[in-house]
C-alpha atoms as a PDB file:
ATOM      1  CA  MET A   1     -19.611  86.795  12.612  1.00  0.00           C
ATOM      2  CA  CYS A   2     -22.985  85.083  12.297  1.00  0.00           C
ATOM      3  CA  ALA A   3     -24.118  83.111  15.346  1.00  0.00           C
ATOM      4  CA  THR A   4     -25.633  80.449  13.079  1.00  0.00           C
ATOM      5  CA  ALA A   5     -22.522  79.715  11.035  1.00  0.00           C
ATOM      6  CA  MET A   6     -22.945  76.588   8.954  1.00  0.00           C
ATOM      7  CA  SER A   7     -20.693  73.618   9.544  1.00  0.00           C
ATOM      8  CA  GLU A   8     -18.825  72.473   6.433  1.00  0.00           C
ATOM      9  CA  LYS A   9     -17.892  68.863   5.712  1.00  0.00           C
ATOM     10  CA  ALA A  10     -15.774  67.285   2.995  1.00  0.00           C
ATOM     11  CA  TYR A  11     -15.561  63.625   2.024  1.00  0.00           C
ATOM     12  CA  ASP A  12     -13.651  61.478  -0.419  1.00  0.00           C
ATOM     13  CA  VAL A  13     -15.978  58.696  -1.527  1.00  0.00           C
ATOM     14  CA  LYS A  14     -15.137  55.565  -3.494  1.00  0.00           C
ATOM     15  CA  ALA A  15     -18.153  53.851  -5.070  1.00  0.00           C
ATOM     16  CA  SER A  16     -17.514  50.304  -6.194  1.00  0.00           C
ATOM     17  CA  GLY A  17     -19.536  47.555  -7.759  1.00  0.00           C
ATOM     18  CA  ARG A  18     -21.132  48.059 -11.166  1.00  0.00           C
ATOM     19  CA  VAL A  19     -20.995  51.856 -11.169  1.00  0.00           C
ATOM     20  CA  GLN A  20     -19.493  52.671 -14.578  1.00  0.00           C
ATOM     21  CA  ARG A  21     -21.296  52.861 -17.947  1.00  0.00           C
ATOM     22  CA  ILE A  22     -24.720  53.169 -16.301  1.00  0.00           C
ATOM     23  CA  GLY A  23     -24.986  56.935 -15.805  1.00  0.00           C
ATOM     24  CA  TYR A  24     -23.843  56.933 -12.184  1.00  0.00           C
ATOM     25  CA  ARG A  25     -21.415  59.857 -12.610  1.00  0.00           C
ATOM     26  CA  ARG A  26     -24.160  62.006 -14.126  1.00  0.00           C
ATOM     27  CA  PHE A  27     -26.534  60.958 -11.324  1.00  0.00           C
ATOM     28  CA  VAL A  28     -23.941  61.991  -8.716  1.00  0.00           C
ATOM     29  CA  LEU A  29     -23.191  65.281 -10.482  1.00  0.00           C
ATOM     30  CA  GLU A  30     -26.854  66.232 -10.829  1.00  0.00           C
ATOM     31  CA  ASN A  31     -27.534  65.527  -7.148  1.00  0.00           C
ATOM     32  CA  ALA A  32     -24.529  67.576  -6.038  1.00  0.00           C
ATOM     33  CA  GLN A  33     -25.568  70.486  -8.240  1.00  0.00           C
ATOM     34  CA  GLU A  34     -29.169  70.317  -7.010  1.00  0.00           C
ATOM     35  CA  LEU A  35     -27.945  70.603  -3.407  1.00  0.00           C
ATOM     36  CA  GLY A  36     -25.402  73.341  -4.177  1.00  0.00           C
ATOM     37  CA  LEU A  37     -22.377  71.230  -3.232  1.00  0.00           C
ATOM     38  CA  ARG A  38     -18.823  71.516  -4.565  1.00  0.00           C
ATOM     39  CA  GLY A  39     -16.411  68.810  -5.686  1.00  0.00           C
ATOM     40  CA  PHE A  40     -15.823  66.395  -8.523  1.00  0.00           C
ATOM     41  CA  VAL A  41     -16.660  62.901  -9.733  1.00  0.00           C
ATOM     42  CA  ARG A  42     -14.517  60.673 -11.966  1.00  0.00           C
ATOM     43  CA  ASN A  43     -14.242  57.118 -13.255  1.00  0.00           C
ATOM     44  CA  GLU A  44     -11.218  55.116 -12.130  1.00  0.00           C
ATOM     45  CA  ALA A  45      -9.270  52.472 -14.055  1.00  0.00           C
ATOM     46  CA  ASP A  46     -10.320  49.753 -11.561  1.00  0.00           C
ATOM     47  CA  GLY A  47     -14.013  50.260 -12.436  1.00  0.00           C
ATOM     48  CA  SER A  48     -14.860  52.325  -9.364  1.00  0.00           C
ATOM     49  CA  VAL A  49     -16.019  55.944  -9.224  1.00  0.00           C
ATOM     50  CA  THR A  50     -14.311  58.554  -7.039  1.00  0.00           C
ATOM     51  CA  VAL A  51     -16.342  61.431  -5.618  1.00  0.00           C
ATOM     52  CA  PHE A  52     -15.032  64.414  -3.672  1.00  0.00           C
ATOM     53  CA  VAL A  53     -17.846  66.419  -2.095  1.00  0.00           C
ATOM     54  CA  GLN A  54     -17.773  69.498   0.102  1.00  0.00           C
ATOM     55  CA  GLY A  55     -20.459  71.723   1.546  1.00  0.00           C
ATOM     56  CA  GLU A  56     -22.820  72.371   4.426  1.00  0.00           C
ATOM     57  CA  GLU A  57     -22.907  69.297   6.661  1.00  0.00           C
ATOM     58  CA  SER A  58     -26.637  68.512   6.450  1.00  0.00           C
ATOM     59  CA  LEU A  59     -26.595  68.848   2.647  1.00  0.00           C
ATOM     60  CA  VAL A  60     -23.547  66.585   2.343  1.00  0.00           C
ATOM     61  CA  GLU A  61     -25.285  63.969   4.502  1.00  0.00           C
ATOM     62  CA  GLN A  62     -28.393  64.195   2.303  1.00  0.00           C
ATOM     63  CA  PHE A  63     -26.210  63.837  -0.807  1.00  0.00           C
ATOM     64  CA  LEU A  64     -24.436  60.755   0.557  1.00  0.00           C
ATOM     65  CA  LYS A  65     -27.763  59.094   1.295  1.00  0.00           C
ATOM     66  CA  ARG A  66     -29.005  59.852  -2.224  1.00  0.00           C
ATOM     67  CA  ILE A  67     -25.939  58.466  -4.003  1.00  0.00           C
ATOM     68  CA  LYS A  68     -25.917  55.332  -1.875  1.00  0.00           C
ATOM     69  CA  GLU A  69     -29.586  54.506  -2.508  1.00  0.00           C
ATOM     70  CA  PRO A  70     -30.671  55.763  -5.947  1.00  0.00           C
ATOM     71  CA  HIS A  71     -34.081  54.031  -5.592  1.00  0.00           C
ATOM     72  CA  GLY A  72     -34.085  52.044  -8.816  1.00  0.00           C
ATOM     73  CA  LEU A  73     -33.035  54.929 -11.056  1.00  0.00           C
ATOM     74  CA  LEU A  74     -29.873  53.105 -12.063  1.00  0.00           C
ATOM     75  CA  PRO A  75     -29.106  49.420 -12.611  1.00  0.00           C
ATOM     76  CA  LEU A  76     -26.596  49.322  -9.742  1.00  0.00           C
ATOM     77  CA  ARG A  77     -25.049  46.108  -8.575  1.00  0.00           C
ATOM     78  CA  ILE A  78     -23.272  45.804  -5.232  1.00  0.00           C
ATOM     79  CA  LEU A  79     -22.729  49.482  -4.584  1.00  0.00           C
ATOM     80  CA  ARG A  80     -20.311  50.100  -1.754  1.00  0.00           C
ATOM     81  CA  LEU A  81     -19.336  53.542  -0.564  1.00  0.00           C
ATOM     82  CA  LYS A  82     -16.085  54.009   1.297  1.00  0.00           C
ATOM     83  CA  LEU A  83     -15.971  57.379   3.050  1.00  0.00           C
ATOM     84  CA  GLN A  84     -12.780  59.162   4.005  1.00  0.00           C
ATOM     85  CA  THR A  85     -13.002  62.473   5.853  1.00  0.00           C
END
């Protein structure tokens, strides 16, 4: 066994606010793929977006920061992320 084994994390994330019909799902997917993370993203009937993400802890933390603050790439309004581990 490797002495530097990576720590894995998994989160269920609910993004709410104006997150549908603006390209948010694609933004989330592209960021997850870029970081080599696993999971899924889907629109919900209530207008929110559900994200399940799993991977190396530091990469998951980087991903969560990116999807919370897309730096003007998307016209987000009142984005709230609810994390469940």
